[in-house]
Amino acid sequence: MRIDCSVHALACPIAPQRVRENWPGAKLIISLREPVSRTISHWNMAISTEEDKENNLDWSDFEVAWSDSRLQCDTLYGSAISRWLEFFDLDSILIIEAKRMRGEPAIVLKKICEHIGVDDYSFRLDLVRNTNTASDRRPLTLFGRLFRSLANLLPDFVKRPVVKRLQKKGVNIYKMPVLSGKALEKRKITDEQRSILAETVNEDLLLLEELTGFSNPDWWIQS
């Protein structure tokens, strides 16, 4: 059994057909986060990592960022899933609300095992470490950028054992002061900016419910 985990595959317009061509019997597991908090988190990440600048953009203004389809696409779940349903049956898709993975991990893992057709497994949940948190997104110093560039030049067989050992210990070397600075303060949006999302997000949530039956009334934006 092969498993692939990709954040952006859900919204990628060409991914469904490619997956169908290579793995026609694929079982899909989709983890959905409350759309507004997902959007804000994505926006903050792009700014703190300077991903926007690397793509010759300036997302410092939220309204400008939201108008960019590259921010919207991962938030519009209904639109994304509609493309997958052109190539896969609804029965092949398991939708999980992201917060359940933290609050009810054992139940969620049982559902996943049933969905992909494997026997129940006794997972060691005590070994799980939270990763990819906002505190990890510290801006790299000049030395940090140089270090990362040099590390990328190392062959995998040299780098992999070191990386795995550090991951096992929960060590992120890029948190070292010499490699990165203090994490930027997390930005928030105003109620007025939130209302900008309302029409697009609410229409998409309605589409998601019509296509899959998945619904969470708390996700709707009251404008």
N, C-alpha and C. Protein backbone atom coordinates (compact mmCIF):
# COMPACT_ATOMS: atom_id res chain seq x y z
N MET A 1 0.84 -1.19 0.00
CA MET A 1 0.00 0.00 0.00
C MET A 1 0.88 1.24 0.00
N ARG A 2 0.56 2.21 -0.83
CA ARG A 2 1.32 3.45 -0.92
C ARG A 2 0.47 4.60 -0.43
N ILE A 3 1.08 5.48 0.32
CA ILE A 3 0.36 6.63 0.87
C ILE A 3 1.11 7.90 0.49
N ASP A 4 0.37 8.88 0.00
CA ASP A 4 0.95 10.19 -0.30
C ASP A 4 0.20 11.23 0.49
N CYS A 5 0.92 12.15 1.09
CA CYS A 5 0.31 13.24 1.85
C CYS A 5 0.77 14.56 1.26
N SER A 6 -0.15 15.33 0.74
CA SER A 6 0.20 16.60 0.12
C SER A 6 -0.85 17.65 0.46
N VAL A 7 -0.40 18.79 0.92
CA VAL A 7 -1.32 19.86 1.31
C VAL A 7 -2.08 20.41 0.10
N HIS A 8 -1.39 20.60 -1.01
CA HIS A 8 -1.98 21.31 -2.13
C HIS A 8 -2.58 20.41 -3.21
N ALA A 9 -2.51 19.10 -3.04
CA ALA A 9 -3.07 18.21 -4.05
C ALA A 9 -4.58 18.38 -4.17
N LEU A 10 -5.25 18.66 -3.05
CA LEU A 10 -6.71 18.80 -3.07
C LEU A 10 -7.16 19.85 -4.07
N ALA A 11 -6.51 21.01 -4.06
CA ALA A 11 -6.94 22.11 -4.92
C ALA A 11 -6.29 22.10 -6.30
N CYS A 12 -5.28 21.27 -6.50
CA CYS A 12 -4.59 21.24 -7.79
C CYS A 12 -5.55 20.77 -8.88
N PRO A 13 -5.76 21.55 -9.93
CA PRO A 13 -6.76 21.19 -10.95
C PRO A 13 -6.40 19.96 -11.77
N ILE A 14 -5.11 19.61 -11.86
CA ILE A 14 -4.73 18.46 -12.68
C ILE A 14 -4.47 17.20 -11.86
N ALA A 15 -4.46 17.34 -10.52
CA ALA A 15 -4.17 16.18 -9.66
C ALA A 15 -5.20 15.06 -9.78
N PRO A 16 -6.51 15.35 -9.79
CA PRO A 16 -7.49 14.26 -9.83
C PRO A 16 -7.30 13.32 -11.02
N GLN A 17 -7.11 13.88 -12.20
CA GLN A 17 -6.95 13.04 -13.39
C GLN A 17 -5.66 12.23 -13.32
N ARG A 18 -4.59 12.86 -12.84
CA ARG A 18 -3.31 12.14 -12.75
C ARG A 18 -3.37 11.00 -11.74
N VAL A 19 -4.03 11.24 -10.61
CA VAL A 19 -4.16 10.18 -9.62
C VAL A 19 -5.02 9.05 -10.18
N ARG A 20 -6.08 9.40 -10.87
CA ARG A 20 -6.95 8.39 -11.47
C ARG A 20 -6.19 7.53 -12.48
N GLU A 21 -5.35 8.17 -13.28
CA GLU A 21 -4.60 7.44 -14.30
C GLU A 21 -3.60 6.49 -13.68
N ASN A 22 -2.98 6.89 -12.56
CA ASN A 22 -1.94 6.07 -11.93
C ASN A 22 -2.47 5.14 -10.86
N TRP A 23 -3.50 5.57 -10.12
CA TRP A 23 -4.07 4.76 -9.04
C TRP A 23 -5.59 4.84 -9.09
N PRO A 24 -6.20 4.17 -10.05
CA PRO A 24 -7.65 4.27 -10.22
C PRO A 24 -8.45 3.80 -9.01
N GLY A 25 -7.85 2.94 -8.18
CA GLY A 25 -8.56 2.45 -7.00
C GLY A 25 -8.19 3.20 -5.73
N ALA A 26 -7.65 4.40 -5.88
CA ALA A 26 -7.17 5.16 -4.72
C ALA A 26 -8.30 5.48 -3.74
N LYS A 27 -7.95 5.45 -2.46
CA LYS A 27 -8.84 5.90 -1.40
C LYS A 27 -8.35 7.27 -0.95
N LEU A 28 -9.23 8.23 -0.93
CA LEU A 28 -8.85 9.61 -0.63
C LEU A 28 -9.29 9.99 0.79
N ILE A 29 -8.40 10.64 1.50
CA ILE A 29 -8.68 11.12 2.86
C ILE A 29 -8.45 12.63 2.85
N ILE A 30 -9.49 13.38 3.14
CA ILE A 30 -9.41 14.83 3.07
C ILE A 30 -9.66 15.43 4.45
N SER A 31 -8.68 16.15 4.95
CA SER A 31 -8.80 16.80 6.25
C SER A 31 -9.12 18.27 6.04
N LEU A 32 -10.26 18.70 6.56
CA LEU A 32 -10.71 20.07 6.35
C LEU A 32 -10.66 20.88 7.64
N ARG A 33 -10.10 22.06 7.54
CA ARG A 33 -10.03 22.98 8.66
C ARG A 33 -11.03 24.11 8.44
N GLU A 34 -11.53 24.69 9.51
CA GLU A 34 -12.45 25.83 9.40
C GLU A 34 -11.85 26.83 8.41
N PRO A 35 -12.58 27.21 7.36
CA PRO A 35 -11.98 27.92 6.22
C PRO A 35 -11.36 29.27 6.52
N VAL A 36 -11.96 30.05 7.42
CA VAL A 36 -11.39 31.37 7.69
C VAL A 36 -10.06 31.24 8.43
N SER A 37 -10.01 30.39 9.45
CA SER A 37 -8.76 30.21 10.19
C SER A 37 -7.69 29.61 9.29
N ARG A 38 -8.10 28.73 8.34
CA ARG A 38 -7.13 28.18 7.39
C ARG A 38 -6.53 29.27 6.53
N THR A 39 -7.41 30.17 6.05
CA THR A 39 -6.95 31.25 5.19
C THR A 39 -5.99 32.18 5.92
N ILE A 40 -6.34 32.54 7.16
CA ILE A 40 -5.49 33.43 7.94
C ILE A 40 -4.14 32.78 8.22
N SER A 41 -4.16 31.48 8.54
CA SER A 41 -2.92 30.76 8.81
C SER A 41 -2.03 30.73 7.58
N HIS A 42 -2.63 30.46 6.43
CA HIS A 42 -1.89 30.42 5.16
C HIS A 42 -1.29 31.79 4.87
N TRP A 43 -2.09 32.83 5.08
CA TRP A 43 -1.65 34.21 4.84
C TRP A 43 -0.46 34.55 5.73
N ASN A 44 -0.56 34.21 7.01
CA ASN A 44 0.53 34.48 7.95
C ASN A 44 1.79 33.71 7.56
N MET A 45 1.63 32.47 7.14
CA MET A 45 2.78 31.65 6.77
C MET A 45 3.50 32.25 5.56
N ALA A 46 2.73 32.67 4.57
CA ALA A 46 3.33 33.24 3.36
C ALA A 46 4.12 34.50 3.68
N ILE A 47 3.62 35.29 4.61
CA ILE A 47 4.31 36.53 4.97
C ILE A 47 5.55 36.24 5.81
N SER A 48 5.40 35.35 6.80
CA SER A 48 6.53 35.08 7.70
C SER A 48 7.68 34.37 7.00
N THR A 49 7.35 33.53 6.01
CA THR A 49 8.40 32.83 5.26
C THR A 49 8.84 33.61 4.02
N GLU A 50 8.16 34.76 3.79
CA GLU A 50 8.43 35.60 2.63
C GLU A 50 8.19 34.87 1.32
N GLU A 51 7.26 33.92 1.37
CA GLU A 51 6.90 33.19 0.16
C GLU A 51 6.28 34.12 -0.87
N ASP A 52 5.55 35.13 -0.37
CA ASP A 52 4.94 36.08 -1.31
C ASP A 52 6.01 36.85 -2.08
N LYS A 53 7.04 37.31 -1.38
CA LYS A 53 8.10 38.07 -2.04
C LYS A 53 8.88 37.21 -3.02
N GLU A 54 9.05 35.93 -2.67
CA GLU A 54 9.76 35.02 -3.57
C GLU A 54 9.02 34.85 -4.89
N ASN A 55 7.70 35.07 -4.86
CA ASN A 55 6.88 34.97 -6.06
C ASN A 55 6.51 36.35 -6.61
N ASN A 56 7.33 37.36 -6.20
CA ASN A 56 7.13 38.74 -6.67
C ASN A 56 5.75 39.27 -6.34
N LEU A 57 5.29 38.95 -5.11
CA LEU A 57 3.99 39.41 -4.63
C LEU A 57 4.17 40.19 -3.34
N ASP A 58 3.11 40.89 -2.94
CA ASP A 58 3.10 41.55 -1.64
C ASP A 58 1.73 41.29 -1.02
N TRP A 59 1.70 40.34 -0.08
CA TRP A 59 0.46 39.95 0.56
C TRP A 59 0.28 40.63 1.91
N SER A 60 1.01 41.70 2.18
CA SER A 60 0.91 42.35 3.49
C SER A 60 -0.49 42.88 3.74
N ASP A 61 -1.19 43.25 2.67
CA ASP A 61 -2.59 43.68 2.77
C ASP A 61 -3.47 42.45 2.55
N PHE A 62 -4.29 42.10 3.55
CA PHE A 62 -5.08 40.88 3.46
C PHE A 62 -6.03 40.89 2.28
N GLU A 63 -6.63 42.03 1.99
CA GLU A 63 -7.58 42.11 0.88
C GLU A 63 -6.89 41.81 -0.45
N VAL A 64 -5.68 42.28 -0.59
CA VAL A 64 -4.90 41.99 -1.81
C VAL A 64 -4.59 40.49 -1.86
N ALA A 65 -4.21 39.94 -0.73
CA ALA A 65 -3.87 38.51 -0.68
C ALA A 65 -5.08 37.65 -1.02
N TRP A 66 -6.24 37.99 -0.46
CA TRP A 66 -7.45 37.19 -0.70
C TRP A 66 -7.89 37.25 -2.15
N SER A 67 -7.61 38.35 -2.82
CA SER A 67 -7.99 38.47 -4.23
C SER A 67 -7.13 37.59 -5.13
N ASP A 68 -6.04 37.05 -4.57
CA ASP A 68 -5.15 36.16 -5.33
C ASP A 68 -5.68 34.73 -5.23
N SER A 69 -5.91 34.12 -6.36
CA SER A 69 -6.48 32.77 -6.38
C SER A 69 -5.59 31.76 -5.67
N ARG A 70 -4.30 32.06 -5.54
CA ARG A 70 -3.38 31.13 -4.88
C ARG A 70 -3.65 31.05 -3.39
N LEU A 71 -4.29 32.05 -2.82
CA LEU A 71 -4.70 31.98 -1.42
C LEU A 71 -6.09 31.37 -1.31
N GLN A 72 -6.94 31.71 -2.24
CA GLN A 72 -8.33 31.24 -2.19
C GLN A 72 -8.47 29.74 -2.45
N CYS A 73 -7.69 29.21 -3.39
CA CYS A 73 -7.95 27.87 -3.92
C CYS A 73 -7.96 26.79 -2.85
N ASP A 74 -7.06 26.89 -1.85
CA ASP A 74 -6.99 25.85 -0.82
C ASP A 74 -8.10 26.00 0.21
N THR A 75 -8.82 27.12 0.19
CA THR A 75 -9.92 27.36 1.13
C THR A 75 -11.26 26.91 0.56
N LEU A 76 -11.37 26.90 -0.76
CA LEU A 76 -12.64 26.57 -1.40
C LEU A 76 -12.76 25.06 -1.59
N TYR A 77 -13.15 24.40 -0.51
CA TYR A 77 -13.17 22.93 -0.47
C TYR A 77 -14.18 22.34 -1.45
N GLY A 78 -15.38 22.92 -1.52
CA GLY A 78 -16.40 22.38 -2.40
C GLY A 78 -15.96 22.39 -3.85
N SER A 79 -15.38 23.51 -4.27
CA SER A 79 -14.90 23.63 -5.64
C SER A 79 -13.82 22.60 -5.93
N ALA A 80 -12.91 22.41 -4.98
CA ALA A 80 -11.82 21.45 -5.17
C ALA A 80 -12.35 20.03 -5.25
N ILE A 81 -13.23 19.67 -4.32
CA ILE A 81 -13.74 18.29 -4.28
C ILE A 81 -14.60 17.98 -5.50
N SER A 82 -15.26 19.00 -6.05
CA SER A 82 -16.08 18.76 -7.24
C SER A 82 -15.22 18.22 -8.39
N ARG A 83 -13.97 18.66 -8.46
CA ARG A 83 -13.07 18.17 -9.53
C ARG A 83 -12.68 16.72 -9.27
N TRP A 84 -12.50 16.35 -8.00
CA TRP A 84 -12.15 14.96 -7.68
C TRP A 84 -13.32 14.03 -7.97
N LEU A 85 -14.54 14.53 -7.77
CA LEU A 85 -15.70 13.69 -8.01
C LEU A 85 -15.95 13.43 -9.49
N GLU A 86 -15.23 14.12 -10.36
CA GLU A 86 -15.31 13.82 -11.79
C GLU A 86 -14.56 12.53 -12.12
N PHE A 87 -13.67 12.12 -11.22
CA PHE A 87 -12.83 10.94 -11.49
C PHE A 87 -12.96 9.85 -10.42
N PHE A 88 -13.55 10.18 -9.27
CA PHE A 88 -13.67 9.21 -8.18
C PHE A 88 -15.08 9.26 -7.61
N ASP A 89 -15.56 8.08 -7.15
CA ASP A 89 -16.86 8.01 -6.50
C ASP A 89 -16.78 8.63 -5.10
N LEU A 90 -17.90 9.10 -4.61
CA LEU A 90 -17.95 9.69 -3.27
C LEU A 90 -17.55 8.68 -2.20
N ASP A 91 -17.84 7.40 -2.44
CA ASP A 91 -17.50 6.36 -1.47
C ASP A 91 -15.99 6.22 -1.28
N SER A 92 -15.22 6.69 -2.24
CA SER A 92 -13.76 6.57 -2.13
C SER A 92 -13.15 7.72 -1.33
N ILE A 93 -14.00 8.66 -0.91
CA ILE A 93 -13.50 9.85 -0.20
C ILE A 93 -13.95 9.83 1.26
N LEU A 94 -13.01 10.00 2.16
CA LEU A 94 -13.30 10.15 3.58
C LEU A 94 -12.94 11.57 3.98
N ILE A 95 -13.93 12.32 4.47
CA ILE A 95 -13.71 13.70 4.90
C ILE A 95 -13.64 13.75 6.42
N ILE A 96 -12.59 14.36 6.92
CA ILE A 96 -12.38 14.47 8.36
C ILE A 96 -12.22 15.94 8.73
N GLU A 97 -12.93 16.37 9.76
CA GLU A 97 -12.72 17.71 10.27
C GLU A 97 -11.41 17.74 11.04
N ALA A 98 -10.53 18.67 10.72
CA ALA A 98 -9.16 18.66 11.25
C ALA A 98 -9.09 18.62 12.77
N LYS A 99 -9.97 19.35 13.46
CA LYS A 99 -9.86 19.42 14.91
C LYS A 99 -10.17 18.08 15.57
N ARG A 100 -10.87 17.19 14.86
CA ARG A 100 -11.15 15.86 15.40
C ARG A 100 -9.86 15.03 15.47
N MET A 101 -8.91 15.35 14.61
CA MET A 101 -7.65 14.61 14.63
C MET A 101 -6.88 14.87 15.92
N ARG A 102 -7.10 16.03 16.52
CA ARG A 102 -6.48 16.34 17.81
C ARG A 102 -7.34 15.86 18.97
N GLY A 103 -8.66 16.07 18.86
CA GLY A 103 -9.53 15.74 19.98
C GLY A 103 -9.92 14.28 20.08
N GLU A 104 -10.01 13.60 18.92
CA GLU A 104 -10.44 12.19 18.91
C GLU A 104 -9.54 11.37 17.99
N PRO A 105 -8.24 11.38 18.23
CA PRO A 105 -7.32 10.72 17.29
C PRO A 105 -7.58 9.23 17.11
N ALA A 106 -7.91 8.53 18.19
CA ALA A 106 -8.12 7.08 18.09
C ALA A 106 -9.33 6.77 17.21
N ILE A 107 -10.41 7.54 17.37
CA ILE A 107 -11.61 7.33 16.57
C ILE A 107 -11.35 7.63 15.11
N VAL A 108 -10.63 8.72 14.87
CA VAL A 108 -10.31 9.11 13.49
C VAL A 108 -9.44 8.06 12.81
N LEU A 109 -8.43 7.57 13.52
CA LEU A 109 -7.53 6.56 12.95
C LEU A 109 -8.28 5.27 12.65
N LYS A 110 -9.24 4.92 13.49
CA LYS A 110 -10.05 3.72 13.24
C LYS A 110 -10.86 3.88 11.96
N LYS A 111 -11.43 5.08 11.77
CA LYS A 111 -12.20 5.34 10.56
C LYS A 111 -11.30 5.26 9.31
N ILE A 112 -10.07 5.79 9.44
CA ILE A 112 -9.13 5.76 8.32
C ILE A 112 -8.77 4.32 7.96
N CYS A 113 -8.50 3.50 8.98
CA CYS A 113 -8.18 2.09 8.72
C CYS A 113 -9.33 1.40 8.00
N GLU A 114 -10.55 1.67 8.44
CA GLU A 114 -11.72 1.07 7.79
C GLU A 114 -11.84 1.55 6.35
N HIS A 115 -11.58 2.82 6.15
CA HIS A 115 -11.74 3.42 4.81
C HIS A 115 -10.75 2.85 3.81
N ILE A 116 -9.50 2.65 4.22
CA ILE A 116 -8.50 2.16 3.28
C ILE A 116 -8.41 0.64 3.27
N GLY A 117 -9.20 -0.01 4.15
CA GLY A 117 -9.29 -1.46 4.10
C GLY A 117 -8.15 -2.21 4.75
N VAL A 118 -7.66 -1.70 5.88
CA VAL A 118 -6.61 -2.40 6.63
C VAL A 118 -7.13 -2.73 8.03
N ASP A 119 -6.48 -3.69 8.68
CA ASP A 119 -6.90 -4.08 10.02
C ASP A 119 -6.61 -2.97 11.01
N ASP A 120 -7.37 -2.96 12.10
CA ASP A 120 -7.12 -1.99 13.17
C ASP A 120 -5.69 -2.12 13.66
N TYR A 121 -5.13 -1.00 14.04
CA TYR A 121 -3.75 -0.98 14.50
C TYR A 121 -3.68 -0.20 15.81
N SER A 122 -2.84 -0.66 16.73
CA SER A 122 -2.69 0.02 18.01
C SER A 122 -1.63 1.10 17.86
N PHE A 123 -2.07 2.31 17.56
CA PHE A 123 -1.14 3.42 17.33
C PHE A 123 -0.58 3.95 18.64
N ARG A 124 0.68 4.31 18.62
CA ARG A 124 1.33 4.91 19.79
C ARG A 124 1.12 6.43 19.76
N LEU A 125 -0.03 6.86 20.20
CA LEU A 125 -0.37 8.28 20.14
C LEU A 125 0.50 9.11 21.08
N ASP A 126 1.09 8.47 22.08
CA ASP A 126 1.96 9.20 23.01
C ASP A 126 3.26 9.64 22.35
N LEU A 127 3.56 9.08 21.17
CA LEU A 127 4.78 9.45 20.47
C LEU A 127 4.57 10.60 19.49
N VAL A 128 3.32 11.03 19.34
CA VAL A 128 3.02 12.08 18.38
C VAL A 128 3.53 13.42 18.89
N ARG A 129 4.22 14.12 18.02
CA ARG A 129 4.69 15.47 18.34
C ARG A 129 4.06 16.46 17.36
N ASN A 130 3.64 17.59 17.88
CA ASN A 130 3.08 18.62 17.01
C ASN A 130 4.18 19.24 16.18
N THR A 131 3.95 19.38 14.89
CA THR A 131 4.95 19.97 14.00
C THR A 131 4.31 21.06 13.18
N ASN A 132 5.14 21.79 12.49
CA ASN A 132 4.66 22.84 11.59
C ASN A 132 3.80 23.86 12.32
N THR A 133 4.20 24.23 13.53
CA THR A 133 3.47 25.24 14.27
C THR A 133 3.95 26.62 13.88
N ALA A 134 3.16 27.64 14.24
CA ALA A 134 3.53 29.01 13.87
C ALA A 134 4.87 29.41 14.48
N SER A 135 5.18 28.86 15.67
CA SER A 135 6.45 29.20 16.31
C SER A 135 7.65 28.68 15.54
N ASP A 136 7.42 27.68 14.67
CA ASP A 136 8.51 27.14 13.86
C ASP A 136 8.85 28.07 12.69
N ARG A 137 7.92 28.96 12.36
CA ARG A 137 8.12 29.80 11.19
C ARG A 137 8.87 31.07 11.57
N ARG A 138 10.12 30.88 11.92
CA ARG A 138 10.99 32.00 12.28
C ARG A 138 11.74 32.45 11.04
N PRO A 139 11.87 33.76 10.83
CA PRO A 139 12.60 34.24 9.64
C PRO A 139 14.07 33.87 9.72
N LEU A 140 14.59 33.30 8.65
CA LEU A 140 15.99 32.88 8.64
C LEU A 140 16.92 34.08 8.56
N THR A 141 18.02 33.99 9.29
CA THR A 141 19.06 34.99 9.19
C THR A 141 19.87 34.74 7.91
N LEU A 142 20.78 35.63 7.60
CA LEU A 142 21.65 35.44 6.44
C LEU A 142 22.43 34.14 6.57
N PHE A 143 22.92 33.86 7.78
CA PHE A 143 23.65 32.62 8.01
C PHE A 143 22.72 31.42 7.89
N GLY A 144 21.47 31.61 8.32
CA GLY A 144 20.49 30.52 8.20
C GLY A 144 20.19 30.18 6.77
N ARG A 145 20.08 31.20 5.92
CA ARG A 145 19.83 30.97 4.49
C ARG A 145 21.02 30.25 3.85
N LEU A 146 22.21 30.66 4.25
CA LEU A 146 23.42 30.03 3.72
C LEU A 146 23.48 28.57 4.16
N PHE A 147 23.16 28.34 5.44
CA PHE A 147 23.18 26.97 5.98
C PHE A 147 22.18 26.09 5.23
N ARG A 148 20.98 26.62 4.99
CA ARG A 148 19.96 25.84 4.29
C ARG A 148 20.39 25.52 2.86
N SER A 149 21.01 26.49 2.21
CA SER A 149 21.48 26.26 0.83
C SER A 149 22.54 25.17 0.79
N LEU A 150 23.46 25.21 1.75
CA LEU A 150 24.51 24.19 1.81
C LEU A 150 23.92 22.82 2.14
N ALA A 151 22.95 22.80 3.06
CA ALA A 151 22.32 21.53 3.44
C ALA A 151 21.60 20.90 2.26
N ASN A 152 21.02 21.74 1.40
CA ASN A 152 20.31 21.22 0.23
C ASN A 152 21.25 20.59 -0.79
N LEU A 153 22.52 20.93 -0.71
CA LEU A 153 23.50 20.37 -1.64
C LEU A 153 23.95 18.97 -1.23
N LEU A 154 23.73 18.62 0.04
CA LEU A 154 24.15 17.31 0.52
C LEU A 154 23.29 16.21 -0.08
N PRO A 155 23.88 15.08 -0.46
CA PRO A 155 23.08 13.96 -0.98
C PRO A 155 22.19 13.38 0.12
N ASP A 156 21.07 12.82 -0.29
CA ASP A 156 20.09 12.31 0.67
C ASP A 156 20.66 11.25 1.60
N PHE A 157 21.54 10.38 1.09
CA PHE A 157 22.05 9.30 1.94
C PHE A 157 22.92 9.84 3.08
N VAL A 158 23.44 11.04 2.89
CA VAL A 158 24.22 11.68 3.96
C VAL A 158 23.30 12.43 4.90
N LYS A 159 22.33 13.12 4.35
CA LYS A 159 21.47 14.02 5.13
C LYS A 159 20.37 13.27 5.88
N ARG A 160 19.82 12.22 5.28
CA ARG A 160 18.64 11.56 5.84
C ARG A 160 18.86 11.03 7.26
N PRO A 161 19.95 10.32 7.57
CA PRO A 161 20.13 9.80 8.93
C PRO A 161 20.18 10.90 9.99
N VAL A 162 20.81 12.01 9.65
CA VAL A 162 20.91 13.13 10.59
C VAL A 162 19.53 13.75 10.82
N VAL A 163 18.81 13.96 9.73
CA VAL A 163 17.48 14.57 9.83
C VAL A 163 16.54 13.68 10.64
N LYS A 164 16.56 12.38 10.39
CA LYS A 164 15.68 11.47 11.12
C LYS A 164 16.00 11.45 12.61
N ARG A 165 17.27 11.51 12.95
CA ARG A 165 17.67 11.51 14.35
C ARG A 165 17.18 12.78 15.05
N LEU A 166 17.31 13.90 14.37
CA LEU A 166 16.84 15.17 14.94
C LEU A 166 15.32 15.19 15.08
N GLN A 167 14.62 14.65 14.07
CA GLN A 167 13.17 14.61 14.13
C GLN A 167 12.69 13.72 15.27
N LYS A 168 13.38 12.61 15.48
CA LYS A 168 13.01 11.69 16.54
C LYS A 168 13.12 12.36 17.91
N LYS A 169 14.08 13.25 18.04
CA LYS A 169 14.27 13.96 19.31
C LYS A 169 13.46 15.25 19.38
N GLY A 170 12.74 15.55 18.30
CA GLY A 170 11.93 16.75 18.28
C GLY A 170 12.75 18.02 18.20
N VAL A 171 13.91 17.94 17.55
CA VAL A 171 14.82 19.09 17.46
C VAL A 171 14.67 19.77 16.11
N ASN A 172 14.47 21.07 16.14
CA ASN A 172 14.44 21.87 14.92
C ASN A 172 15.62 22.83 14.98
N ILE A 173 16.67 22.51 14.26
CA ILE A 173 17.90 23.30 14.35
C ILE A 173 17.70 24.73 13.86
N TYR A 174 16.67 24.93 13.04
CA TYR A 174 16.44 26.27 12.51
C TYR A 174 15.85 27.21 13.56
N LYS A 175 15.57 26.69 14.76
CA LYS A 175 15.14 27.55 15.86
C LYS A 175 16.32 28.18 16.58
N MET A 176 17.52 27.74 16.23
CA MET A 176 18.71 28.31 16.87
C MET A 176 18.81 29.80 16.51
N PRO A 177 19.11 30.66 17.51
CA PRO A 177 19.17 32.11 17.25
C PRO A 177 20.12 32.50 16.13
N VAL A 178 21.20 31.74 15.94
CA VAL A 178 22.16 32.09 14.89
C VAL A 178 21.58 31.82 13.50
N LEU A 179 20.59 30.93 13.43
CA LEU A 179 20.01 30.56 12.13
C LEU A 179 18.71 31.28 11.83
N SER A 180 18.01 31.75 12.87
CA SER A 180 16.73 32.42 12.64
C SER A 180 16.46 33.45 13.72
N GLY A 181 15.59 34.38 13.37
CA GLY A 181 15.21 35.42 14.32
C GLY A 181 13.89 35.08 14.99
N LYS A 182 13.41 36.00 15.79
CA LYS A 182 12.16 35.80 16.52
C LYS A 182 11.00 35.71 15.54
N ALA A 183 10.07 34.79 15.81
CA ALA A 183 8.91 34.63 14.94
C ALA A 183 8.10 35.91 14.90
N LEU A 184 7.58 36.23 13.72
CA LEU A 184 6.78 37.43 13.57
C LEU A 184 5.45 37.28 14.31
N GLU A 185 4.96 38.38 14.83
CA GLU A 185 3.67 38.34 15.52
C GLU A 185 2.57 37.95 14.55
N LYS A 186 1.71 37.05 14.99
CA LYS A 186 0.65 36.55 14.11
C LYS A 186 -0.35 37.65 13.80
N ARG A 187 -0.63 37.84 12.52
CA ARG A 187 -1.57 38.87 12.09
C ARG A 187 -3.01 38.36 12.18
N LYS A 188 -3.91 39.28 12.43
CA LYS A 188 -5.33 38.95 12.49
C LYS A 188 -6.06 39.81 11.47
N ILE A 189 -7.29 39.43 11.19
CA ILE A 189 -8.08 40.23 10.26
C ILE A 189 -9.23 40.88 11.03
N THR A 190 -9.73 41.97 10.49
CA THR A 190 -10.84 42.69 11.11
C THR A 190 -12.17 42.05 10.69
N ASP A 191 -13.24 42.44 11.37
CA ASP A 191 -14.57 41.94 11.01
C ASP A 191 -14.92 42.36 9.58
N GLU A 192 -14.49 43.56 9.20
CA GLU A 192 -14.76 44.04 7.84
C GLU A 192 -14.04 43.18 6.82
N GLN A 193 -12.79 42.83 7.11
CA GLN A 193 -12.04 41.97 6.19
C GLN A 193 -12.64 40.57 6.15
N ARG A 194 -13.12 40.10 7.29
CA ARG A 194 -13.75 38.79 7.35
C ARG A 194 -15.00 38.75 6.47
N SER A 195 -15.73 39.86 6.45
CA SER A 195 -16.96 39.90 5.65
C SER A 195 -16.67 39.80 4.15
N ILE A 196 -15.44 40.15 3.75
CA ILE A 196 -15.05 40.05 2.34
C ILE A 196 -15.09 38.60 1.87
N LEU A 197 -14.81 37.67 2.80
CA LEU A 197 -14.78 36.26 2.46
C LEU A 197 -16.17 35.65 2.39
N ALA A 198 -17.15 36.31 3.01
CA ALA A 198 -18.45 35.69 3.27
C ALA A 198 -19.11 35.09 2.04
N GLU A 199 -19.31 35.88 1.01
CA GLU A 199 -20.07 35.40 -0.15
C GLU A 199 -19.38 34.20 -0.80
N THR A 200 -18.09 34.32 -1.04
CA THR A 200 -17.36 33.25 -1.73
C THR A 200 -17.29 31.98 -0.88
N VAL A 201 -16.94 32.14 0.40
CA VAL A 201 -16.78 30.97 1.27
C VAL A 201 -18.13 30.31 1.54
N ASN A 202 -19.16 31.08 1.81
CA ASN A 202 -20.47 30.50 2.10
C ASN A 202 -21.04 29.74 0.90
N GLU A 203 -20.86 30.30 -0.29
CA GLU A 203 -21.32 29.60 -1.50
C GLU A 203 -20.57 28.28 -1.66
N ASP A 204 -19.29 28.29 -1.34
CA ASP A 204 -18.50 27.08 -1.48
C ASP A 204 -18.89 26.05 -0.43
N LEU A 205 -19.19 26.49 0.79
CA LEU A 205 -19.62 25.56 1.84
C LEU A 205 -20.95 24.91 1.47
N LEU A 206 -21.83 25.66 0.82
CA LEU A 206 -23.09 25.10 0.34
C LEU A 206 -22.83 24.05 -0.72
N LEU A 207 -21.91 24.34 -1.63
CA LEU A 207 -21.54 23.36 -2.66
C LEU A 207 -20.96 22.11 -2.02
N LEU A 208 -20.11 22.28 -1.02
CA LEU A 208 -19.50 21.15 -0.33
C LEU A 208 -20.58 20.25 0.28
N GLU A 209 -21.58 20.87 0.90
CA GLU A 209 -22.65 20.09 1.51
C GLU A 209 -23.48 19.36 0.46
N GLU A 210 -23.76 20.04 -0.64
CA GLU A 210 -24.56 19.41 -1.71
C GLU A 210 -23.84 18.22 -2.32
N LEU A 211 -22.51 18.33 -2.44
CA LEU A 211 -21.73 17.27 -3.09
C LEU A 211 -21.47 16.09 -2.18
N THR A 212 -21.20 16.37 -0.91
CA THR A 212 -20.70 15.32 -0.01
C THR A 212 -21.56 15.04 1.21
N GLY A 213 -22.44 15.97 1.55
CA GLY A 213 -23.23 15.82 2.78
C GLY A 213 -22.50 16.35 4.00
N PHE A 214 -21.24 16.75 3.83
CA PHE A 214 -20.48 17.30 4.96
C PHE A 214 -20.95 18.71 5.25
N SER A 215 -21.25 18.98 6.53
CA SER A 215 -21.73 20.30 6.90
C SER A 215 -21.30 20.65 8.30
N ASN A 216 -20.91 21.89 8.49
CA ASN A 216 -20.61 22.42 9.82
C ASN A 216 -21.15 23.84 9.87
N PRO A 217 -22.32 24.04 10.49
CA PRO A 217 -22.94 25.37 10.53
C PRO A 217 -22.04 26.45 11.14
N ASP A 218 -21.13 26.05 12.03
CA ASP A 218 -20.25 27.03 12.67
C ASP A 218 -19.26 27.64 11.68
N TRP A 219 -19.08 27.02 10.53
CA TRP A 219 -18.13 27.51 9.55
C TRP A 219 -18.70 28.65 8.70
N TRP A 220 -20.01 28.79 8.69
CA TRP A 220 -20.61 29.82 7.86
C TRP A 220 -20.27 31.20 8.40
N ILE A 221 -19.98 32.11 7.50
CA ILE A 221 -19.60 33.48 7.88
C ILE A 221 -20.84 34.35 7.93
N GLN A 222 -21.09 34.93 9.09
CA GLN A 222 -22.23 35.84 9.23
C GLN A 222 -21.80 37.24 8.85
N SER A 223 -22.32 37.74 7.75
CA SER A 223 -21.92 39.07 7.27
C SER A 223 -22.95 40.11 7.65
